[in-house]
Structures are given as structure tokens and as C-alpha cells.
PDB file of N, CA and C in Angstrom:
ATOM      1  N   UNK A   1     -72.788  -1.580 111.897  1.00  0.00           N
ATOM      2  CA  UNK A   1     -73.638  -2.428 111.099  1.00  0.00           C
ATOM      3  C   UNK A   1     -73.388  -3.906 111.521  1.00  0.00           C
ATOM      4  N   UNK A   2     -74.410  -4.588 111.644  1.00  0.00           N
ATOM      5  CA  UNK A   2     -74.337  -5.906 112.074  1.00  0.00           C
ATOM      6  C   UNK A   2     -73.630  -6.904 111.079  1.00  0.00           C
ATOM      7  N   UNK A   3     -73.180  -7.968 111.436  1.00  0.00           N
ATOM      8  CA  UNK A   3     -72.443  -8.881 110.630  1.00  0.00           C
ATOM      9  C   UNK A   3     -73.416  -9.353 109.380  1.00  0.00           C
ATOM     10  N   UNK A   4     -74.708  -9.773 109.722  1.00  0.00           N
ATOM     11  CA  UNK A   4     -75.564 -10.203 108.676  1.00  0.00           C
ATOM     12  C   UNK A   4     -76.035  -9.243 107.778  1.00  0.00           C
ATOM     13  N   UNK A   5     -76.067  -7.921 108.262  1.00  0.00           N
ATOM     14  CA  UNK A   5     -76.490  -6.814 107.358  1.00  0.00           C
ATOM     15  C   UNK A   5     -75.403  -6.466 106.432  1.00  0.00           C
ATOM     16  N   UNK A   6     -74.071  -6.522 106.849  1.00  0.00           N
ATOM     17  CA  UNK A   6     -72.962  -6.130 105.928  1.00  0.00           C
ATOM     18  C   UNK A   6     -72.925  -7.243 104.872  1.00  0.00           C
ATOM     19  N   UNK A   7     -73.059  -8.445 105.214  1.00  0.00           N
ATOM     20  CA  UNK A   7     -72.967  -9.483 104.221  1.00  0.00           C
ATOM     21  C   UNK A   7     -74.047  -9.393 103.163  1.00  0.00           C
ATOM     22  N   UNK A   8     -75.278  -9.304 103.742  1.00  0.00           N
ATOM     23  CA  UNK A   8     -76.432  -9.122 102.829  1.00  0.00           C
ATOM     24  C   UNK A   8     -76.340  -7.948 101.932  1.00  0.00           C
ATOM     25  N   UNK A   9     -75.826  -6.858 102.518  1.00  0.00           N
ATOM     26  CA  UNK A   9     -75.731  -5.599 101.634  1.00  0.00           C
ATOM     27  C   UNK A   9     -74.659  -5.843 100.631  1.00  0.00           C
ATOM     28  N   UNK A  10     -73.492  -6.436 100.910  1.00  0.00           N
ATOM     29  CA  UNK A  10     -72.595  -6.734  99.834  1.00  0.00           C
ATOM     30  C   UNK A  10     -73.147  -7.657  98.728  1.00  0.00           C
ATOM     31  N   UNK A  11     -73.904  -8.691  99.144  1.00  0.00           N
ATOM     32  CA  UNK A  11     -74.334  -9.670  98.143  1.00  0.00           C
ATOM     33  C   UNK A  11     -75.434  -8.968  97.297  1.00  0.00           C
ATOM     34  N   UNK A  12     -76.331  -8.080  97.891  1.00  0.00           N
ATOM     35  CA  UNK A  12     -77.311  -7.381  97.127  1.00  0.00           C
ATOM     36  C   UNK A  12     -76.626  -6.460  96.029  1.00  0.00           C
ATOM     37  N   UNK A  13     -75.631  -5.707  96.503  1.00  0.00           N
ATOM     38  CA  UNK A  13     -74.774  -4.835  95.541  1.00  0.00           C
ATOM     39  C   UNK A  13     -74.316  -5.734  94.424  1.00  0.00           C
ATOM     40  N   UNK A  14     -73.679  -6.856  94.780  1.00  0.00           N
ATOM     41  CA  UNK A  14     -72.984  -7.738  93.810  1.00  0.00           C
ATOM     42  C   UNK A  14     -74.064  -8.268  92.878  1.00  0.00           C
ATOM     43  N   UNK A  15     -75.230  -8.633  93.333  1.00  0.00           N
ATOM     44  CA  UNK A  15     -76.392  -9.196  92.385  1.00  0.00           C
ATOM     45  C   UNK A  15     -76.781  -8.042  91.425  1.00  0.00           C
ATOM     46  N   UNK A  16     -76.862  -6.838  91.962  1.00  0.00           N
ATOM     47  CA  UNK A  16     -77.336  -5.767  91.139  1.00  0.00           C
ATOM     48  C   UNK A  16     -76.429  -5.361  89.952  1.00  0.00           C
ATOM     49  N   UNK A  17     -75.149  -5.285  90.461  1.00  0.00           N
ATOM     50  CA  UNK A  17     -73.945  -5.017  89.439  1.00  0.00           C
ATOM     51  C   UNK A  17     -73.810  -6.030  88.468  1.00  0.00           C
ATOM     52  N   UNK A  18     -73.815  -7.417  88.944  1.00  0.00           N
ATOM     53  CA  UNK A  18     -73.627  -8.499  88.112  1.00  0.00           C
ATOM     54  C   UNK A  18     -74.757  -8.687  87.181  1.00  0.00           C
ATOM     55  N   UNK A  19     -75.941  -8.381  87.613  1.00  0.00           N
ATOM     56  CA  UNK A  19     -77.130  -8.447  86.614  1.00  0.00           C
ATOM     57  C   UNK A  19     -76.987  -7.368  85.563  1.00  0.00           C
ATOM     58  N   UNK A  20     -76.615  -6.089  85.859  1.00  0.00           N
ATOM     59  CA  UNK A  20     -76.437  -5.045  84.944  1.00  0.00           C
ATOM     60  C   UNK A  20     -75.372  -5.305  83.798  1.00  0.00           C
ATOM     61  N   UNK A  21     -74.260  -5.889  84.359  1.00  0.00           N
ATOM     62  CA  UNK A  21     -73.157  -6.206  83.427  1.00  0.00           C
ATOM     63  C   UNK A  21     -73.585  -7.419  82.597  1.00  0.00           C
ATOM     64  N   UNK A  22     -74.279  -8.445  83.215  1.00  0.00           N
ATOM     65  CA  UNK A  22     -74.633  -9.617  82.587  1.00  0.00           C
ATOM     66  C   UNK A  22     -75.670  -9.366  81.351  1.00  0.00           C
ATOM     67  N   UNK A  23     -76.486  -8.540  81.547  1.00  0.00           N
ATOM     68  CA  UNK A  23     -77.496  -8.051  80.560  1.00  0.00           C
ATOM     69  C   UNK A  23     -76.790  -7.309  79.443  1.00  0.00           C
ATOM     70  N   UNK A  24     -75.970  -6.420  79.819  1.00  0.00           N
ATOM     71  CA  UNK A  24     -75.210  -5.625  78.796  1.00  0.00           C
ATOM     72  C   UNK A  24     -74.402  -6.471  77.928  1.00  0.00           C
ATOM     73  N   UNK A  25     -73.708  -7.567  78.537  1.00  0.00           N
ATOM     74  CA  UNK A  25     -72.851  -8.429  77.792  1.00  0.00           C
ATOM     75  C   UNK A  25     -73.447  -9.667  77.231  1.00  0.00           C
ATOM     76  N   UNK A  26     -74.762  -9.838  77.510  1.00  0.00           N
ATOM     77  CA  UNK A  26     -75.526 -10.919  77.039  1.00  0.00           C
ATOM     78  C   UNK A  26     -74.862 -12.273  77.592  1.00  0.00           C
ATOM     79  N   UNK A  27     -74.384 -12.198  78.849  1.00  0.00           N
ATOM     80  CA  UNK A  27     -73.862 -13.444  79.586  1.00  0.00           C
ATOM     81  C   UNK A  27     -74.273 -13.261  81.101  1.00  0.00           C
ATOM     82  N   UNK A  28     -75.591 -13.417  81.229  1.00  0.00           N
ATOM     83  CA  UNK A  28     -76.083 -13.157  82.665  1.00  0.00           C
ATOM     84  C   UNK A  28     -75.662 -14.286  83.652  1.00  0.00           C
ATOM     85  N   UNK A  29     -75.573 -15.536  83.235  1.00  0.00           N
ATOM     86  CA  UNK A  29     -75.093 -16.440  84.193  1.00  0.00           C
ATOM     87  C   UNK A  29     -73.721 -16.263  84.802  1.00  0.00           C
ATOM     88  N   UNK A  30     -72.809 -15.942  83.921  1.00  0.00           N
ATOM     89  CA  UNK A  30     -71.383 -15.679  84.337  1.00  0.00           C
ATOM     90  C   UNK A  30     -71.405 -14.513  85.355  1.00  0.00           C
ATOM     91  N   UNK A  31     -72.035 -13.377  84.901  1.00  0.00           N
ATOM     92  CA  UNK A  31     -71.819 -12.082  85.692  1.00  0.00           C
ATOM     93  C   UNK A  31     -72.750 -12.142  86.950  1.00  0.00           C
ATOM     94  N   UNK A  32     -73.773 -12.858  86.941  1.00  0.00           N
ATOM     95  CA  UNK A  32     -74.625 -12.985  88.169  1.00  0.00           C
ATOM     96  C   UNK A  32     -73.808 -13.783  89.256  1.00  0.00           C
ATOM     97  N   UNK A  33     -73.210 -14.861  88.691  1.00  0.00           N
ATOM     98  CA  UNK A  33     -72.369 -15.605  89.645  1.00  0.00           C
ATOM     99  C   UNK A  33     -71.149 -14.850  90.242  1.00  0.00           C
ATOM    100  N   UNK A  34     -70.521 -14.034  89.295  1.00  0.00           N
ATOM    101  CA  UNK A  34     -69.299 -13.275  89.724  1.00  0.00           C
ATOM    102  C   UNK A  34     -69.796 -12.219  90.669  1.00  0.00           C
ATOM    103  N   UNK A  35     -70.930 -11.670  90.345  1.00  0.00           N
ATOM    104  CA  UNK A  35     -71.516 -10.527  91.151  1.00  0.00           C
ATOM    105  C   UNK A  35     -71.739 -10.968  92.722  1.00  0.00           C
ATOM    106  N   UNK A  36     -72.299 -12.165  92.813  1.00  0.00           N
ATOM    107  CA  UNK A  36     -72.667 -12.719  94.065  1.00  0.00           C
ATOM    108  C   UNK A  36     -71.286 -12.988  94.926  1.00  0.00           C
ATOM    109  N   UNK A  37     -70.293 -13.587  94.168  1.00  0.00           N
ATOM    110  CA  UNK A  37     -68.986 -13.967  94.753  1.00  0.00           C
ATOM    111  C   UNK A  37     -68.233 -12.657  95.216  1.00  0.00           C
ATOM    112  N   UNK A  38     -68.265 -11.637  94.372  1.00  0.00           N
ATOM    113  CA  UNK A  38     -67.535 -10.354  94.593  1.00  0.00           C
ATOM    114  C   UNK A  38     -68.328  -9.663  95.752  1.00  0.00           C
ATOM    115  N   UNK A  39     -69.626  -9.681  95.783  1.00  0.00           N
ATOM    116  CA  UNK A  39     -70.496  -9.025  96.767  1.00  0.00           C
ATOM    117  C   UNK A  39     -70.251  -9.736  98.182  1.00  0.00           C
ATOM    118  N   UNK A  40     -70.039 -11.077  98.185  1.00  0.00           N
ATOM    119  CA  UNK A  40     -69.784 -11.774  99.422  1.00  0.00           C
ATOM    120  C   UNK A  40     -68.473 -11.380  99.898  1.00  0.00           C
ATOM    121  N   UNK A  41     -67.455 -11.238  99.047  1.00  0.00           N
ATOM    122  CA  UNK A  41     -66.129 -10.787  99.587  1.00  0.00           C
ATOM    123  C   UNK A  41     -66.184  -9.459 100.167  1.00  0.00           C
ATOM    124  N   UNK A  42     -66.918  -8.462  99.475  1.00  0.00           N
ATOM    125  CA  UNK A  42     -66.981  -7.107 100.105  1.00  0.00           C
ATOM    126  C   UNK A  42     -67.844  -7.132 101.362  1.00  0.00           C
ATOM    127  N   UNK A  43     -68.858  -7.846 101.478  1.00  0.00           N
ATOM    128  CA  UNK A  43     -69.494  -7.978 102.685  1.00  0.00           C
ATOM    129  C   UNK A  43     -68.779  -8.563 103.780  1.00  0.00           C
ATOM    130  N   UNK A  44     -67.846  -9.621 103.407  1.00  0.00           N
ATOM    131  CA  UNK A  44     -67.024 -10.178 104.478  1.00  0.00           C
ATOM    132  C   UNK A  44     -65.858  -9.158 104.961  1.00  0.00           C
ATOM    133  N   UNK A  45     -65.367  -8.375 104.055  1.00  0.00           N
ATOM    134  CA  UNK A  45     -64.349  -7.288 104.242  1.00  0.00           C
ATOM    135  C   UNK A  45     -64.991  -6.288 105.237  1.00  0.00           C
ATOM    136  N   UNK A  46     -66.330  -5.904 104.891  1.00  0.00           N
ATOM    137  CA  UNK A  46     -66.932  -4.818 105.692  1.00  0.00           C
ATOM    138  C   UNK A  46     -67.103  -5.474 107.142  1.00  0.00           C
ATOM    139  N   UNK A  47     -67.481  -6.715 107.215  1.00  0.00           N
ATOM    140  CA  UNK A  47     -67.711  -7.383 108.581  1.00  0.00           C
ATOM    141  C   UNK A  47     -66.417  -7.349 109.353  1.00  0.00           C
ATOM    142  N   UNK A  48     -65.331  -7.743 108.705  1.00  0.00           N
ATOM    143  CA  UNK A  48     -63.925  -7.766 109.351  1.00  0.00           C
ATOM    144  C   UNK A  48     -63.591  -6.371 109.800  1.00  0.00           C
ATOM    145  N   UNK A  49     -63.926  -5.278 109.076  1.00  0.00           N
ATOM    146  CA  UNK A  49     -63.511  -4.012 109.339  1.00  0.00           C
ATOM    147  C   UNK A  49     -64.380  -3.553 110.648  1.00  0.00           C
ATOM    148  N   UNK A  50     -65.660  -3.780 110.485  1.00  0.00           N
ATOM    149  CA  UNK A  50     -66.438  -3.388 111.782  1.00  0.00           C
ATOM    150  C   UNK A  50     -66.032  -4.145 112.959  1.00  0.00           C
ATOM    151  N   UNK A  51     -65.704  -5.388 112.810  1.00  0.00           N
ATOM    152  CA  UNK A  51     -65.194  -6.153 113.908  1.00  0.00           C
ATOM    153  C   UNK A  51     -64.031  -5.612 114.542  1.00  0.00           C
ATOM    154  N   UNK A  52     -63.069  -5.258 113.805  1.00  0.00           N
ATOM    155  CA  UNK A  52     -61.781  -4.706 114.196  1.00  0.00           C
ATOM    156  C   UNK A  52     -61.977  -3.308 114.772  1.00  0.00           C
ATOM    157  N   UNK A  53     -62.905  -2.522 114.262  1.00  0.00           N
ATOM    158  CA  UNK A  53     -63.284  -1.247 114.909  1.00  0.00           C
ATOM    159  C   UNK A  53     -63.955  -1.385 116.260  1.00  0.00           C
ATOM    160  N   UNK A  54     -64.763  -2.364 116.318  1.00  0.00           N
ATOM    161  CA  UNK A  54     -65.502  -2.631 117.701  1.00  0.00           C
ATOM    162  C   UNK A  54     -64.630  -3.119 118.637  1.00  0.00           C
ATOM    163  N   UNK A  55     -63.547  -3.869 118.354  1.00  0.00           N
ATOM    164  CA  UNK A  55     -62.513  -4.408 119.268  1.00  0.00           C
ATOM    165  C   UNK A  55     -61.698  -3.247 119.859  1.00  0.00           C
ATOM    166  N   UNK A  56     -61.437  -2.225 119.073  1.00  0.00           N
ATOM    167  CA  UNK A  56     -60.734  -1.040 119.361  1.00  0.00           C
ATOM    168  C   UNK A  56     -61.398  -0.179 120.502  1.00  0.00           C
ATOM    169  N   UNK A  57     -62.668  -0.188 120.462  1.00  0.00           N
ATOM    170  CA  UNK A  57     -63.492   0.680 121.361  1.00  0.00           C
ATOM    171  C   UNK A  57     -63.377   0.271 122.799  1.00  0.00           C
ATOM    172  N   UNK A  58     -63.245  -1.004 122.902  1.00  0.00           N
ATOM    173  CA  UNK A  58     -63.278  -1.515 124.374  1.00  0.00           C
ATOM    174  C   UNK A  58     -62.152  -0.990 125.255  1.00  0.00           C
TER     175      UNK A  58
END
């Protein structure tokens, strides 16, 4: 998976989960922000994992 796709995928999942929790707890602003931050972290971790795997193939 490409770097941009991993990050975008992580952020998209974060927004979806953050929105769901935010609506359930009636605190959308907090959870949407947390979802984006956590999604960006997951996307970055996936990017690093893929980069490390690609370096090993050479």
C-alpha cells in the first residue's frame, strides 16, 4: 500500500470511529478530533511497517 493511501485510510477509519463515539456520548468535537489523531497515528504506523517490509525485499 502506498504511503498516502495508508495515511488516508487510517484517518478515514479514525473519523468514522470518532464520529460514532462522539454521537453516542454527545461530545462530537472531542471524539472527532481524537479519532483523527488516532487515525493519523495508525496510518503512520502502517506506513512505517510497509516501508520496513519493502526495505527487506531488496
